[in-house]
Amino acid sequence: MGDKVMFTAVAEKGGYYGPFNADQILVFNTAITNIGGNYDPTSGFFTAPAQGYYFFTFSYHASKQHKTGLNLMKNHEVIVRAFNDKIGAATTTDNAGNSATLQLEVGDRVSVQLPAHCHVYAADSVTTFSGFLIRGA
């Protein structure tokens, strides 16, 4: 493994995505950058190639027709969230995001979960997921 691990991917699903009746991994299917090849744009998972400290961030755009939100996941644990359940509020769109610095072991997986009954806009490069290795442990 080299010392460069970084990716940025966007969700391109052709428009609004969700809501669904159950939580699901949001697959950011278009990788803009994937140095090291550790983000899988077919599954939505980043797999840590080395023990170390990593930074992750996600952002989304959505309408106020349904709840909106995303969760940053480490393996099966929610680390941070961005969420809005104010349907039909004064504005018609919602933009949100969150970030986290994580200590990962080899093989740990990081992903973004679309919670049940939420939706996002998955087109035009507005819903994104990025991460990079800060320093190996």
N, C-alpha and C. Protein backbone atom coordinates (compact mmCIF):
# COMPACT_ATOMS: atom_id res chain seq x y z
N MET A 1 0.84 -1.18 0.00
CA MET A 1 0.00 0.00 0.00
C MET A 1 0.88 1.23 0.00
N GLY A 2 0.56 2.19 -0.86
CA GLY A 2 1.27 3.46 -0.85
C GLY A 2 0.75 4.34 0.27
N ASP A 3 1.35 5.50 0.40
CA ASP A 3 0.91 6.40 1.47
C ASP A 3 -0.22 7.32 1.03
N LYS A 4 -0.68 7.20 -0.21
CA LYS A 4 -1.76 8.05 -0.70
C LYS A 4 -3.04 7.24 -0.82
N VAL A 5 -4.01 7.62 -0.01
CA VAL A 5 -5.33 6.99 -0.04
C VAL A 5 -6.34 8.12 0.02
N MET A 6 -7.12 8.31 -1.05
CA MET A 6 -8.14 9.36 -1.06
C MET A 6 -9.17 9.07 -2.14
N PHE A 7 -10.39 9.53 -1.88
CA PHE A 7 -11.45 9.36 -2.88
C PHE A 7 -12.49 10.46 -2.73
N THR A 8 -13.15 10.73 -3.81
CA THR A 8 -14.38 11.53 -3.85
C THR A 8 -15.29 10.84 -4.83
N ALA A 9 -16.54 10.64 -4.41
CA ALA A 9 -17.52 9.98 -5.27
C ALA A 9 -18.85 10.72 -5.16
N VAL A 10 -19.63 10.64 -6.22
CA VAL A 10 -20.95 11.28 -6.25
C VAL A 10 -22.01 10.24 -6.54
N ALA A 11 -23.21 10.49 -6.01
CA ALA A 11 -24.36 9.62 -6.28
C ALA A 11 -25.06 10.15 -7.52
N GLU A 12 -25.05 9.35 -8.56
CA GLU A 12 -25.70 9.72 -9.82
C GLU A 12 -26.74 8.64 -10.14
N LYS A 13 -27.95 8.87 -9.67
CA LYS A 13 -29.05 7.90 -9.84
C LYS A 13 -30.16 8.46 -10.72
N GLY A 14 -29.95 9.64 -11.31
CA GLY A 14 -30.92 10.20 -12.23
C GLY A 14 -31.96 11.11 -11.62
N GLY A 15 -31.83 11.47 -10.35
CA GLY A 15 -32.81 12.36 -9.73
C GLY A 15 -33.00 12.02 -8.27
N TYR A 16 -34.23 12.22 -7.79
CA TYR A 16 -34.49 11.92 -6.37
C TYR A 16 -34.37 10.43 -6.12
N TYR A 17 -33.77 10.10 -4.97
CA TYR A 17 -33.50 8.71 -4.61
C TYR A 17 -34.07 8.46 -3.23
N GLY A 18 -35.02 7.54 -3.14
CA GLY A 18 -35.73 7.28 -1.91
C GLY A 18 -37.03 8.07 -1.93
N PRO A 19 -37.82 7.96 -0.89
CA PRO A 19 -37.55 7.20 0.34
C PRO A 19 -37.84 5.70 0.17
N PHE A 20 -37.20 4.92 1.03
CA PHE A 20 -37.39 3.47 1.08
C PHE A 20 -37.88 3.09 2.48
N ASN A 21 -38.42 1.91 2.62
CA ASN A 21 -38.97 1.47 3.91
C ASN A 21 -37.92 0.99 4.90
N ALA A 22 -36.69 0.80 4.44
CA ALA A 22 -35.62 0.32 5.32
C ALA A 22 -34.33 1.11 5.05
N ASP A 23 -33.46 1.16 6.05
CA ASP A 23 -32.14 1.77 5.86
C ASP A 23 -31.41 1.04 4.73
N GLN A 24 -30.61 1.78 3.97
CA GLN A 24 -29.78 1.13 2.96
C GLN A 24 -28.52 1.96 2.71
N ILE A 25 -27.49 1.28 2.26
CA ILE A 25 -26.25 1.95 1.92
C ILE A 25 -26.48 2.74 0.64
N LEU A 26 -26.11 4.02 0.67
CA LEU A 26 -26.19 4.84 -0.54
C LEU A 26 -24.91 4.60 -1.33
N VAL A 27 -25.06 4.10 -2.52
CA VAL A 27 -23.91 3.82 -3.38
C VAL A 27 -23.60 5.08 -4.19
N PHE A 28 -22.45 5.66 -3.93
CA PHE A 28 -21.96 6.80 -4.70
C PHE A 28 -21.26 6.19 -5.90
N ASN A 29 -21.99 6.07 -6.99
CA ASN A 29 -21.60 5.21 -8.11
C ASN A 29 -20.65 5.84 -9.11
N THR A 30 -20.31 7.10 -8.94
CA THR A 30 -19.35 7.73 -9.84
C THR A 30 -18.17 8.25 -9.03
N ALA A 31 -17.03 7.59 -9.18
CA ALA A 31 -15.82 8.02 -8.47
C ALA A 31 -15.13 9.11 -9.28
N ILE A 32 -14.93 10.25 -8.66
CA ILE A 32 -14.19 11.34 -9.31
C ILE A 32 -12.70 11.13 -9.10
N THR A 33 -12.34 10.79 -7.87
CA THR A 33 -10.96 10.47 -7.49
C THR A 33 -11.02 9.19 -6.69
N ASN A 34 -10.08 8.27 -6.92
CA ASN A 34 -10.04 7.03 -6.14
C ASN A 34 -8.59 6.53 -6.08
N ILE A 35 -7.74 7.35 -5.50
CA ILE A 35 -6.32 7.02 -5.41
C ILE A 35 -6.15 5.92 -4.36
N GLY A 36 -5.56 4.83 -4.76
CA GLY A 36 -5.43 3.65 -3.92
C GLY A 36 -6.50 2.62 -4.23
N GLY A 37 -7.61 3.05 -4.86
CA GLY A 37 -8.66 2.12 -5.26
C GLY A 37 -9.42 1.50 -4.11
N ASN A 38 -9.49 2.18 -2.96
CA ASN A 38 -10.12 1.58 -1.79
C ASN A 38 -11.60 1.90 -1.64
N TYR A 39 -12.12 2.79 -2.47
CA TYR A 39 -13.56 3.02 -2.51
C TYR A 39 -14.14 2.18 -3.65
N ASP A 40 -15.20 1.45 -3.35
CA ASP A 40 -15.85 0.60 -4.35
C ASP A 40 -17.14 1.27 -4.82
N PRO A 41 -17.16 1.84 -6.04
CA PRO A 41 -18.37 2.52 -6.51
C PRO A 41 -19.51 1.59 -6.91
N THR A 42 -19.32 0.29 -6.77
CA THR A 42 -20.43 -0.64 -7.02
C THR A 42 -21.12 -1.05 -5.72
N SER A 43 -20.41 -0.96 -4.58
CA SER A 43 -21.02 -1.34 -3.30
C SER A 43 -21.25 -0.15 -2.37
N GLY A 44 -20.50 0.94 -2.57
CA GLY A 44 -20.61 2.10 -1.69
C GLY A 44 -19.70 2.06 -0.48
N PHE A 45 -18.82 1.07 -0.40
CA PHE A 45 -17.95 0.92 0.77
C PHE A 45 -16.52 1.36 0.49
N PHE A 46 -15.95 2.08 1.45
CA PHE A 46 -14.51 2.33 1.49
C PHE A 46 -13.95 1.31 2.46
N THR A 47 -12.88 0.61 2.07
CA THR A 47 -12.24 -0.38 2.93
C THR A 47 -10.84 0.10 3.26
N ALA A 48 -10.56 0.22 4.55
CA ALA A 48 -9.26 0.74 4.99
C ALA A 48 -8.14 -0.23 4.60
N PRO A 49 -7.15 0.24 3.84
CA PRO A 49 -6.03 -0.62 3.45
C PRO A 49 -4.94 -0.70 4.51
N ALA A 50 -4.98 0.23 5.48
CA ALA A 50 -3.94 0.29 6.50
C ALA A 50 -4.52 0.86 7.79
N GLN A 51 -3.92 0.51 8.89
CA GLN A 51 -4.28 1.10 10.16
C GLN A 51 -3.89 2.57 10.13
N GLY A 52 -4.75 3.43 10.62
CA GLY A 52 -4.41 4.84 10.63
C GLY A 52 -5.58 5.74 10.94
N TYR A 53 -5.35 7.03 10.72
CA TYR A 53 -6.32 8.08 10.99
C TYR A 53 -6.82 8.62 9.66
N TYR A 54 -8.14 8.62 9.51
CA TYR A 54 -8.78 8.98 8.25
C TYR A 54 -9.81 10.09 8.49
N PHE A 55 -10.03 10.90 7.46
CA PHE A 55 -11.06 11.93 7.49
C PHE A 55 -12.11 11.60 6.43
N PHE A 56 -13.39 11.71 6.80
CA PHE A 56 -14.50 11.45 5.89
C PHE A 56 -15.50 12.59 5.96
N THR A 57 -16.12 12.88 4.84
CA THR A 57 -17.15 13.91 4.79
C THR A 57 -18.21 13.50 3.77
N PHE A 58 -19.44 13.93 4.00
CA PHE A 58 -20.52 13.70 3.03
C PHE A 58 -21.41 14.94 3.01
N SER A 59 -22.08 15.14 1.89
CA SER A 59 -23.06 16.22 1.79
C SER A 59 -24.17 15.78 0.86
N TYR A 60 -25.33 16.41 1.04
CA TYR A 60 -26.45 16.07 0.17
C TYR A 60 -27.32 17.28 -0.11
N HIS A 61 -28.11 17.16 -1.16
CA HIS A 61 -29.14 18.11 -1.54
C HIS A 61 -30.43 17.30 -1.64
N ALA A 62 -31.56 17.89 -1.25
CA ALA A 62 -32.84 17.19 -1.32
C ALA A 62 -33.98 18.21 -1.32
N SER A 63 -35.17 17.71 -1.60
CA SER A 63 -36.36 18.56 -1.51
C SER A 63 -36.98 18.37 -0.13
N LYS A 64 -37.98 19.17 0.17
CA LYS A 64 -38.67 19.05 1.47
C LYS A 64 -39.95 18.23 1.36
N GLN A 65 -40.07 17.42 0.28
CA GLN A 65 -41.26 16.58 0.12
C GLN A 65 -41.27 15.41 1.10
N HIS A 66 -40.09 14.98 1.52
CA HIS A 66 -39.94 13.86 2.46
C HIS A 66 -38.84 14.22 3.45
N LYS A 67 -38.69 13.42 4.47
CA LYS A 67 -37.56 13.58 5.37
C LYS A 67 -36.27 13.44 4.57
N THR A 68 -35.23 14.11 5.03
CA THR A 68 -33.93 14.00 4.38
C THR A 68 -32.90 13.58 5.42
N GLY A 69 -31.85 12.93 4.96
CA GLY A 69 -30.79 12.60 5.90
C GLY A 69 -29.85 11.53 5.37
N LEU A 70 -28.66 11.53 5.95
CA LEU A 70 -27.66 10.50 5.69
C LEU A 70 -26.89 10.24 6.98
N ASN A 71 -26.37 9.03 7.11
CA ASN A 71 -25.55 8.63 8.26
C ASN A 71 -24.19 8.16 7.77
N LEU A 72 -23.13 8.60 8.41
CA LEU A 72 -21.80 8.06 8.14
C LEU A 72 -21.63 6.83 9.02
N MET A 73 -21.28 5.71 8.39
CA MET A 73 -21.20 4.43 9.09
C MET A 73 -19.75 3.93 9.13
N LYS A 74 -19.34 3.41 10.27
CA LYS A 74 -18.08 2.66 10.40
C LYS A 74 -18.49 1.23 10.71
N ASN A 75 -18.21 0.33 9.80
CA ASN A 75 -18.70 -1.04 9.89
C ASN A 75 -20.22 -0.97 10.04
N HIS A 76 -20.81 -1.33 11.16
CA HIS A 76 -22.26 -1.29 11.31
C HIS A 76 -22.72 -0.23 12.30
N GLU A 77 -21.84 0.72 12.64
CA GLU A 77 -22.13 1.73 13.66
C GLU A 77 -22.30 3.11 13.02
N VAL A 78 -23.37 3.81 13.44
CA VAL A 78 -23.56 5.19 13.00
C VAL A 78 -22.55 6.06 13.75
N ILE A 79 -21.76 6.83 13.01
CA ILE A 79 -20.76 7.71 13.61
C ILE A 79 -21.29 9.13 13.73
N VAL A 80 -21.75 9.72 12.62
CA VAL A 80 -22.37 11.04 12.62
C VAL A 80 -23.54 11.03 11.64
N ARG A 81 -24.44 11.99 11.82
CA ARG A 81 -25.64 12.09 10.99
C ARG A 81 -25.82 13.52 10.46
N ALA A 82 -26.57 13.62 9.41
CA ALA A 82 -27.16 14.88 8.96
C ALA A 82 -28.62 14.52 8.67
N PHE A 83 -29.56 15.30 9.22
CA PHE A 83 -30.95 14.87 9.17
C PHE A 83 -31.87 16.08 9.24
N ASN A 84 -33.00 16.01 8.54
CA ASN A 84 -34.03 17.04 8.62
C ASN A 84 -35.38 16.37 8.42
N ASP A 85 -36.24 16.47 9.43
CA ASP A 85 -37.57 15.87 9.30
C ASP A 85 -38.67 16.92 9.17
N LYS A 86 -38.31 18.13 8.81
CA LYS A 86 -39.28 19.21 8.66
C LYS A 86 -39.79 19.24 7.21
N ILE A 87 -40.75 18.40 6.94
CA ILE A 87 -41.33 18.29 5.60
C ILE A 87 -42.15 19.54 5.30
N GLY A 88 -41.98 20.07 4.09
CA GLY A 88 -42.77 21.22 3.66
C GLY A 88 -42.46 22.50 4.42
N ALA A 89 -41.26 22.64 4.93
CA ALA A 89 -40.88 23.85 5.67
C ALA A 89 -40.87 25.05 4.74
N ALA A 90 -40.52 26.21 5.27
CA ALA A 90 -40.57 27.46 4.52
C ALA A 90 -39.74 27.42 3.24
N THR A 91 -38.63 26.71 3.25
CA THR A 91 -37.84 26.56 2.03
C THR A 91 -38.22 25.25 1.35
N THR A 92 -37.93 25.15 0.07
CA THR A 92 -38.32 23.95 -0.66
C THR A 92 -37.19 22.94 -0.82
N THR A 93 -35.96 23.34 -0.46
CA THR A 93 -34.83 22.42 -0.59
C THR A 93 -34.06 22.35 0.72
N ASP A 94 -33.25 21.32 0.81
CA ASP A 94 -32.44 21.09 2.00
C ASP A 94 -31.04 20.71 1.56
N ASN A 95 -30.05 21.30 2.18
CA ASN A 95 -28.65 20.95 1.96
C ASN A 95 -28.04 20.69 3.32
N ALA A 96 -27.31 19.59 3.45
CA ALA A 96 -26.70 19.27 4.73
C ALA A 96 -25.50 18.36 4.52
N GLY A 97 -24.74 18.18 5.56
CA GLY A 97 -23.59 17.29 5.51
C GLY A 97 -22.99 17.15 6.89
N ASN A 98 -21.97 16.32 6.98
CA ASN A 98 -21.26 16.14 8.24
C ASN A 98 -19.91 15.51 7.93
N SER A 99 -19.04 15.49 8.93
CA SER A 99 -17.67 14.98 8.76
C SER A 99 -17.22 14.29 10.04
N ALA A 100 -16.22 13.44 9.90
CA ALA A 100 -15.65 12.78 11.07
C ALA A 100 -14.22 12.35 10.79
N THR A 101 -13.41 12.38 11.81
CA THR A 101 -12.07 11.81 11.78
C THR A 101 -12.15 10.49 12.52
N LEU A 102 -11.68 9.41 11.89
CA LEU A 102 -11.81 8.07 12.46
C LEU A 102 -10.46 7.37 12.52
N GLN A 103 -10.28 6.59 13.57
CA GLN A 103 -9.14 5.68 13.64
C GLN A 103 -9.64 4.34 13.11
N LEU A 104 -9.00 3.85 12.05
CA LEU A 104 -9.44 2.62 11.42
C LEU A 104 -8.36 1.55 11.48
N GLU A 105 -8.80 0.32 11.50
CA GLU A 105 -7.93 -0.84 11.38
C GLU A 105 -8.03 -1.38 9.96
N VAL A 106 -7.07 -2.16 9.55
CA VAL A 106 -7.11 -2.77 8.22
C VAL A 106 -8.43 -3.54 8.06
N GLY A 107 -9.13 -3.28 6.97
CA GLY A 107 -10.37 -3.99 6.69
C GLY A 107 -11.63 -3.32 7.22
N ASP A 108 -11.51 -2.30 8.08
CA ASP A 108 -12.69 -1.55 8.51
C ASP A 108 -13.35 -0.95 7.28
N ARG A 109 -14.69 -0.89 7.32
CA ARG A 109 -15.42 -0.36 6.17
C ARG A 109 -16.21 0.88 6.59
N VAL A 110 -16.15 1.90 5.74
CA VAL A 110 -16.87 3.15 5.97
C VAL A 110 -17.81 3.36 4.79
N SER A 111 -19.04 3.77 5.10
CA SER A 111 -20.04 3.99 4.06
C SER A 111 -21.00 5.07 4.51
N VAL A 112 -21.94 5.41 3.65
CA VAL A 112 -22.99 6.37 3.97
C VAL A 112 -24.33 5.66 3.82
N GLN A 113 -25.13 5.76 4.86
CA GLN A 113 -26.42 5.09 4.90
C GLN A 113 -27.54 6.10 4.66
N LEU A 114 -28.47 5.72 3.80
CA LEU A 114 -29.71 6.47 3.62
C LEU A 114 -30.73 5.88 4.59
N PRO A 115 -31.13 6.62 5.64
CA PRO A 115 -32.07 6.07 6.61
C PRO A 115 -33.45 5.82 5.99
N ALA A 116 -34.17 4.90 6.58
CA ALA A 116 -35.53 4.59 6.13
C ALA A 116 -36.36 5.88 6.10
N HIS A 117 -37.20 6.00 5.09
CA HIS A 117 -38.15 7.09 4.92
C HIS A 117 -37.51 8.43 4.59
N CYS A 118 -36.22 8.42 4.25
CA CYS A 118 -35.52 9.64 3.83
C CYS A 118 -35.20 9.57 2.34
N HIS A 119 -34.93 10.71 1.76
CA HIS A 119 -34.52 10.76 0.36
C HIS A 119 -33.44 11.82 0.20
N VAL A 120 -32.73 11.75 -0.92
CA VAL A 120 -31.75 12.75 -1.32
C VAL A 120 -31.87 12.94 -2.83
N TYR A 121 -31.26 14.00 -3.32
CA TYR A 121 -31.19 14.21 -4.76
C TYR A 121 -29.89 13.60 -5.24
N ALA A 122 -29.97 12.63 -6.11
CA ALA A 122 -28.80 11.88 -6.57
C ALA A 122 -28.59 12.11 -8.06
N ALA A 123 -28.23 13.34 -8.40
CA ALA A 123 -27.91 13.72 -9.78
C ALA A 123 -27.15 15.04 -9.72
N ASP A 124 -26.53 15.39 -10.82
CA ASP A 124 -25.87 16.69 -10.97
C ASP A 124 -24.73 16.92 -9.97
N SER A 125 -24.14 15.85 -9.47
CA SER A 125 -22.96 15.92 -8.58
C SER A 125 -23.19 16.73 -7.31
N VAL A 126 -24.41 16.67 -6.73
CA VAL A 126 -24.69 17.45 -5.52
C VAL A 126 -24.69 16.61 -4.23
N THR A 127 -24.70 15.30 -4.34
CA THR A 127 -24.65 14.43 -3.17
C THR A 127 -23.34 13.67 -3.25
N THR A 128 -22.44 13.94 -2.28
CA THR A 128 -21.05 13.49 -2.39
C THR A 128 -20.56 12.79 -1.12
N PHE A 129 -19.51 12.00 -1.30
CA PHE A 129 -18.84 11.26 -0.21
C PHE A 129 -17.35 11.28 -0.51
N SER A 130 -16.55 11.72 0.45
CA SER A 130 -15.10 11.80 0.27
C SER A 130 -14.38 11.32 1.52
N GLY A 131 -13.15 10.86 1.33
CA GLY A 131 -12.32 10.47 2.46
C GLY A 131 -10.87 10.40 2.08
N PHE A 132 -10.02 10.47 3.09
CA PHE A 132 -8.58 10.34 2.84
C PHE A 132 -7.85 9.93 4.11
N LEU A 133 -6.71 9.31 3.90
CA LEU A 133 -5.82 8.92 4.98
C LEU A 133 -5.05 10.16 5.44
N ILE A 134 -5.16 10.47 6.73
CA ILE A 134 -4.40 11.59 7.29
C ILE A 134 -2.98 11.13 7.59
N ARG A 135 -2.93 9.99 8.33
CA ARG A 135 -1.62 9.46 8.73
C ARG A 135 -1.80 8.02 9.17
N GLY A 136 -0.87 7.19 8.77
CA GLY A 136 -0.86 5.81 9.23
C GLY A 136 -0.53 5.74 10.71
N ALA A 137 -1.04 4.72 11.38
CA ALA A 137 -0.82 4.58 12.83
C ALA A 137 0.56 3.97 13.11
